């Protein structure tokens, strides 16, 4: 409620991005365990090179490049003008609903 009050008084509401997937299966196809690990180290890190991202997750640069390409295509990562990659968020919240058929 404090955040709402502050946003109301200042007229500055915090904006958040939302990425949707058509199904949980597609979510897990895009956000594999290795890609999730990559996002964890990029979260709040600012722009980094793919080589630096690979170093941080202790993986092969070529494999990380492949994962970065998939995440860029899905709109999860951004590329800076200088060619670095950035995950421009400080936090991630994943939600999906599982219902009886």
N, C-alpha and C. Protein backbone atom coordinates (compact mmCIF):
# COMPACT_ATOMS: atom_id res chain seq x y z
N UNK A 1 0.82 -1.18 0.00
CA UNK A 1 0.00 0.00 0.00
C UNK A 1 0.87 1.26 0.00
N UNK A 2 2.02 1.20 0.67
CA UNK A 2 2.94 2.35 0.68
C UNK A 2 3.40 2.71 -0.73
N UNK A 3 3.73 1.67 -1.53
CA UNK A 3 4.19 1.91 -2.89
C UNK A 3 3.08 2.55 -3.72
N UNK A 4 1.84 2.08 -3.53
CA UNK A 4 0.71 2.66 -4.25
C UNK A 4 0.54 4.13 -3.88
N UNK A 5 0.59 4.42 -2.59
CA UNK A 5 0.43 5.80 -2.13
C UNK A 5 1.52 6.71 -2.70
N UNK A 6 2.76 6.21 -2.70
CA UNK A 6 3.88 6.99 -3.23
C UNK A 6 3.68 7.26 -4.73
N UNK A 7 3.28 6.23 -5.46
CA UNK A 7 3.05 6.38 -6.89
C UNK A 7 1.90 7.35 -7.16
N UNK A 8 0.87 7.29 -6.34
CA UNK A 8 -0.28 8.17 -6.50
C UNK A 8 0.12 9.64 -6.26
N UNK A 9 0.89 9.87 -5.21
CA UNK A 9 1.30 11.24 -4.88
C UNK A 9 2.27 11.82 -5.90
N UNK A 10 3.22 11.01 -6.34
CA UNK A 10 4.25 11.52 -7.24
C UNK A 10 3.86 11.40 -8.71
N UNK A 11 2.86 10.59 -8.98
CA UNK A 11 2.48 10.36 -10.37
C UNK A 11 3.45 9.46 -11.11
N UNK A 12 4.33 8.80 -10.34
CA UNK A 12 5.32 7.91 -10.94
C UNK A 12 5.08 6.48 -10.49
N UNK A 13 4.36 5.75 -11.29
CA UNK A 13 4.15 4.34 -10.98
C UNK A 13 5.29 3.53 -11.57
N UNK A 14 5.78 2.55 -10.83
CA UNK A 14 6.84 1.70 -11.33
C UNK A 14 6.28 0.83 -12.44
N UNK A 15 6.99 0.78 -13.54
CA UNK A 15 6.53 0.02 -14.68
C UNK A 15 7.17 -1.35 -14.65
N UNK A 16 6.43 -2.33 -15.10
CA UNK A 16 6.99 -3.66 -15.19
C UNK A 16 6.67 -4.23 -16.56
N UNK A 17 7.52 -5.11 -17.01
CA UNK A 17 7.33 -5.77 -18.30
C UNK A 17 6.70 -7.12 -18.06
N UNK A 18 5.97 -7.57 -19.04
CA UNK A 18 5.33 -8.86 -18.94
C UNK A 18 5.58 -9.61 -20.24
N UNK A 19 6.05 -10.81 -20.10
CA UNK A 19 6.24 -11.69 -21.26
C UNK A 19 5.34 -12.89 -21.03
N UNK A 20 4.52 -13.17 -22.01
CA UNK A 20 3.57 -14.28 -21.89
C UNK A 20 3.95 -15.41 -22.83
N UNK A 21 3.65 -16.62 -22.42
CA UNK A 21 3.86 -17.80 -23.24
C UNK A 21 2.51 -18.49 -23.42
N UNK A 22 2.30 -19.07 -24.58
CA UNK A 22 1.01 -19.69 -24.91
C UNK A 22 0.70 -20.90 -24.02
N UNK A 23 1.73 -21.53 -23.50
CA UNK A 23 1.52 -22.72 -22.66
C UNK A 23 2.71 -22.89 -21.73
N UNK A 24 2.51 -23.63 -20.64
CA UNK A 24 3.67 -23.92 -19.77
C UNK A 24 4.76 -24.69 -20.51
N UNK A 25 4.37 -25.52 -21.44
CA UNK A 25 5.35 -26.29 -22.21
C UNK A 25 6.27 -25.36 -23.02
N UNK A 26 5.68 -24.32 -23.61
CA UNK A 26 6.49 -23.36 -24.36
C UNK A 26 7.38 -22.55 -23.42
N UNK A 27 6.85 -22.20 -22.25
CA UNK A 27 7.66 -21.50 -21.25
C UNK A 27 8.90 -22.31 -20.93
N UNK A 28 8.74 -23.60 -20.64
CA UNK A 28 9.89 -24.43 -20.26
C UNK A 28 10.79 -24.76 -21.45
N UNK A 29 10.24 -24.68 -22.66
CA UNK A 29 11.08 -24.87 -23.85
C UNK A 29 12.01 -23.67 -24.03
N UNK A 30 11.50 -22.48 -23.78
CA UNK A 30 12.31 -21.26 -23.90
C UNK A 30 13.21 -21.08 -22.69
N UNK A 31 12.66 -21.25 -21.50
CA UNK A 31 13.43 -21.04 -20.27
C UNK A 31 13.93 -22.38 -19.71
N UNK A 32 14.88 -22.95 -20.41
CA UNK A 32 15.47 -24.21 -19.96
C UNK A 32 16.27 -23.96 -18.67
N UNK A 33 16.71 -24.99 -18.04
CA UNK A 33 17.47 -24.86 -16.80
C UNK A 33 18.75 -24.04 -17.02
N UNK A 34 19.44 -24.28 -18.12
CA UNK A 34 20.68 -23.54 -18.40
C UNK A 34 20.39 -22.06 -18.68
N UNK A 35 19.29 -21.79 -19.37
CA UNK A 35 18.93 -20.39 -19.67
C UNK A 35 18.47 -19.68 -18.41
N UNK A 36 17.76 -20.39 -17.54
CA UNK A 36 17.34 -19.81 -16.27
C UNK A 36 18.58 -19.45 -15.44
N UNK A 37 19.57 -20.32 -15.43
CA UNK A 37 20.83 -20.05 -14.72
C UNK A 37 21.49 -18.80 -15.30
N UNK A 38 21.48 -18.68 -16.61
CA UNK A 38 22.04 -17.50 -17.27
C UNK A 38 21.30 -16.23 -16.85
N UNK A 39 19.97 -16.29 -16.82
CA UNK A 39 19.19 -15.13 -16.40
C UNK A 39 19.48 -14.75 -14.95
N UNK A 40 19.68 -15.75 -14.11
CA UNK A 40 19.99 -15.48 -12.70
C UNK A 40 21.25 -14.64 -12.55
N UNK A 41 22.28 -14.97 -13.33
CA UNK A 41 23.53 -14.21 -13.20
C UNK A 41 23.46 -12.86 -13.90
N UNK A 42 22.57 -12.72 -14.88
CA UNK A 42 22.42 -11.46 -15.59
C UNK A 42 21.46 -10.49 -14.89
N UNK A 43 20.62 -11.02 -14.01
CA UNK A 43 19.61 -10.21 -13.32
C UNK A 43 20.29 -9.11 -12.51
N UNK A 44 20.05 -7.87 -12.91
CA UNK A 44 20.62 -6.72 -12.20
C UNK A 44 22.09 -6.47 -12.47
N UNK A 45 22.71 -7.22 -13.39
CA UNK A 45 24.15 -7.10 -13.63
C UNK A 45 24.49 -5.98 -14.62
N UNK A 46 23.52 -5.49 -15.36
CA UNK A 46 23.81 -4.50 -16.39
C UNK A 46 24.34 -5.18 -17.65
N UNK A 47 24.74 -4.40 -18.65
CA UNK A 47 25.22 -4.96 -19.91
C UNK A 47 26.54 -5.74 -19.73
N UNK A 48 26.61 -6.90 -20.36
CA UNK A 48 27.83 -7.72 -20.35
C UNK A 48 28.00 -8.35 -21.74
N UNK A 49 29.21 -8.74 -22.03
CA UNK A 49 29.47 -9.46 -23.28
C UNK A 49 29.02 -10.91 -23.12
N UNK A 50 28.84 -11.57 -24.24
CA UNK A 50 28.47 -12.99 -24.18
C UNK A 50 29.61 -13.79 -23.56
N UNK A 51 30.83 -13.41 -23.85
CA UNK A 51 31.99 -14.09 -23.27
C UNK A 51 31.99 -13.96 -21.74
N UNK A 52 31.66 -12.76 -21.25
CA UNK A 52 31.60 -12.55 -19.80
C UNK A 52 30.44 -13.34 -19.18
N UNK A 53 29.32 -13.38 -19.88
CA UNK A 53 28.18 -14.16 -19.39
C UNK A 53 28.55 -15.64 -19.29
N UNK A 54 29.27 -16.14 -20.30
CA UNK A 54 29.71 -17.54 -20.29
C UNK A 54 30.66 -17.79 -19.13
N UNK A 55 31.55 -16.84 -18.86
CA UNK A 55 32.47 -16.98 -17.73
C UNK A 55 31.71 -17.05 -16.41
N UNK A 56 30.69 -16.22 -16.27
CA UNK A 56 29.93 -16.17 -15.02
C UNK A 56 29.14 -17.44 -14.75
N UNK A 57 28.73 -18.14 -15.80
CA UNK A 57 27.99 -19.40 -15.59
C UNK A 57 28.88 -20.62 -15.80
N UNK A 58 30.18 -20.36 -16.08
CA UNK A 58 31.17 -21.43 -16.27
C UNK A 58 30.73 -22.41 -17.35
N UNK A 59 30.40 -21.82 -18.52
CA UNK A 59 29.97 -22.63 -19.66
C UNK A 59 30.72 -22.20 -20.91
N UNK A 60 30.65 -23.02 -21.93
CA UNK A 60 31.25 -22.76 -23.23
C UNK A 60 30.59 -21.55 -23.89
N UNK A 61 31.40 -20.67 -24.49
CA UNK A 61 30.89 -19.45 -25.11
C UNK A 61 29.90 -19.77 -26.23
N UNK A 62 30.18 -20.78 -27.02
CA UNK A 62 29.30 -21.14 -28.14
C UNK A 62 27.92 -21.58 -27.63
N UNK A 63 27.89 -22.35 -26.56
CA UNK A 63 26.62 -22.80 -25.99
C UNK A 63 25.83 -21.63 -25.40
N UNK A 64 26.54 -20.74 -24.72
CA UNK A 64 25.89 -19.55 -24.15
C UNK A 64 25.38 -18.66 -25.27
N UNK A 65 26.14 -18.53 -26.34
CA UNK A 65 25.70 -17.74 -27.50
C UNK A 65 24.38 -18.28 -28.04
N UNK A 66 24.26 -19.58 -28.14
CA UNK A 66 23.03 -20.22 -28.62
C UNK A 66 21.86 -19.89 -27.68
N UNK A 67 22.10 -19.97 -26.38
CA UNK A 67 21.04 -19.64 -25.41
C UNK A 67 20.68 -18.16 -25.46
N UNK A 68 21.67 -17.31 -25.60
CA UNK A 68 21.43 -15.87 -25.69
C UNK A 68 20.58 -15.56 -26.91
N UNK A 69 20.89 -16.19 -28.05
CA UNK A 69 20.10 -15.99 -29.26
C UNK A 69 18.64 -16.37 -29.05
N UNK A 70 18.40 -17.49 -28.40
CA UNK A 70 17.03 -17.92 -28.13
C UNK A 70 16.32 -16.94 -27.21
N UNK A 71 17.01 -16.43 -26.20
CA UNK A 71 16.41 -15.48 -25.26
C UNK A 71 16.19 -14.12 -25.91
N UNK A 72 17.08 -13.71 -26.81
CA UNK A 72 16.88 -12.47 -27.57
C UNK A 72 15.65 -12.60 -28.47
N UNK A 73 15.53 -13.74 -29.15
CA UNK A 73 14.40 -13.97 -30.05
C UNK A 73 13.07 -14.02 -29.30
N UNK A 74 13.10 -14.48 -28.06
CA UNK A 74 11.89 -14.54 -27.24
C UNK A 74 11.56 -13.20 -26.59
N UNK A 75 12.47 -12.25 -26.69
CA UNK A 75 12.25 -10.94 -26.09
C UNK A 75 12.59 -10.87 -24.62
N UNK A 76 13.32 -11.87 -24.12
CA UNK A 76 13.68 -11.92 -22.71
C UNK A 76 14.93 -11.09 -22.44
N UNK A 77 15.88 -11.10 -23.36
CA UNK A 77 17.11 -10.31 -23.25
C UNK A 77 17.07 -9.18 -24.28
N UNK A 78 17.84 -8.14 -24.02
CA UNK A 78 18.03 -7.04 -24.96
C UNK A 78 19.50 -6.96 -25.34
N UNK A 79 19.76 -6.33 -26.48
CA UNK A 79 21.13 -6.09 -26.91
C UNK A 79 21.37 -4.58 -26.92
N UNK A 80 22.49 -4.16 -26.37
CA UNK A 80 22.82 -2.74 -26.34
C UNK A 80 23.36 -2.31 -27.70
N UNK A 81 23.49 -1.00 -27.89
CA UNK A 81 24.07 -0.49 -29.13
C UNK A 81 25.50 -0.96 -29.32
N UNK A 82 26.18 -1.20 -28.21
CA UNK A 82 27.56 -1.68 -28.27
C UNK A 82 27.69 -3.18 -28.49
N UNK A 83 26.55 -3.88 -28.59
CA UNK A 83 26.57 -5.32 -28.86
C UNK A 83 26.54 -6.19 -27.61
N UNK A 84 26.53 -5.58 -26.43
CA UNK A 84 26.45 -6.39 -25.21
C UNK A 84 25.01 -6.83 -24.98
N UNK A 85 24.85 -7.81 -24.11
CA UNK A 85 23.51 -8.28 -23.78
C UNK A 85 23.14 -7.76 -22.40
N UNK A 86 21.85 -7.58 -22.19
CA UNK A 86 21.40 -7.09 -20.89
C UNK A 86 20.04 -7.70 -20.57
N UNK A 87 19.90 -8.11 -19.34
CA UNK A 87 18.61 -8.52 -18.80
C UNK A 87 18.17 -7.34 -17.95
N UNK A 88 17.29 -6.49 -18.49
CA UNK A 88 17.04 -5.18 -17.88
C UNK A 88 16.08 -5.18 -16.69
N UNK A 89 16.11 -6.23 -15.91
CA UNK A 89 15.20 -6.34 -14.77
C UNK A 89 15.97 -6.69 -13.51
N UNK A 90 15.45 -6.26 -12.38
CA UNK A 90 16.07 -6.58 -11.09
C UNK A 90 15.45 -7.81 -10.45
N UNK A 91 14.31 -8.24 -10.97
CA UNK A 91 13.60 -9.38 -10.40
C UNK A 91 12.77 -10.05 -11.48
N UNK A 92 12.44 -11.31 -11.23
CA UNK A 92 11.61 -12.09 -12.15
C UNK A 92 10.54 -12.78 -11.33
N UNK A 93 9.34 -12.73 -11.84
CA UNK A 93 8.23 -13.45 -11.22
C UNK A 93 7.58 -14.29 -12.30
N UNK A 94 7.50 -15.59 -12.07
CA UNK A 94 6.92 -16.51 -13.04
C UNK A 94 5.60 -17.01 -12.46
N UNK A 95 4.55 -16.86 -13.24
CA UNK A 95 3.23 -17.32 -12.81
C UNK A 95 2.61 -18.18 -13.91
N UNK A 96 1.98 -19.27 -13.51
CA UNK A 96 1.12 -19.98 -14.44
C UNK A 96 0.08 -20.72 -13.63
N UNK A 97 -1.02 -21.00 -14.28
CA UNK A 97 -2.16 -21.62 -13.62
C UNK A 97 -2.30 -23.05 -14.09
N UNK A 98 -2.40 -23.96 -13.17
CA UNK A 98 -2.61 -25.37 -13.49
C UNK A 98 -4.03 -25.71 -13.05
N UNK A 99 -4.87 -26.12 -14.00
CA UNK A 99 -6.25 -26.45 -13.70
C UNK A 99 -6.55 -27.88 -14.08
N UNK A 100 -7.57 -28.42 -13.43
CA UNK A 100 -8.04 -29.75 -13.79
C UNK A 100 -8.63 -29.70 -15.20
N UNK A 101 -8.38 -30.74 -15.97
CA UNK A 101 -8.85 -30.77 -17.36
C UNK A 101 -10.34 -30.90 -17.48
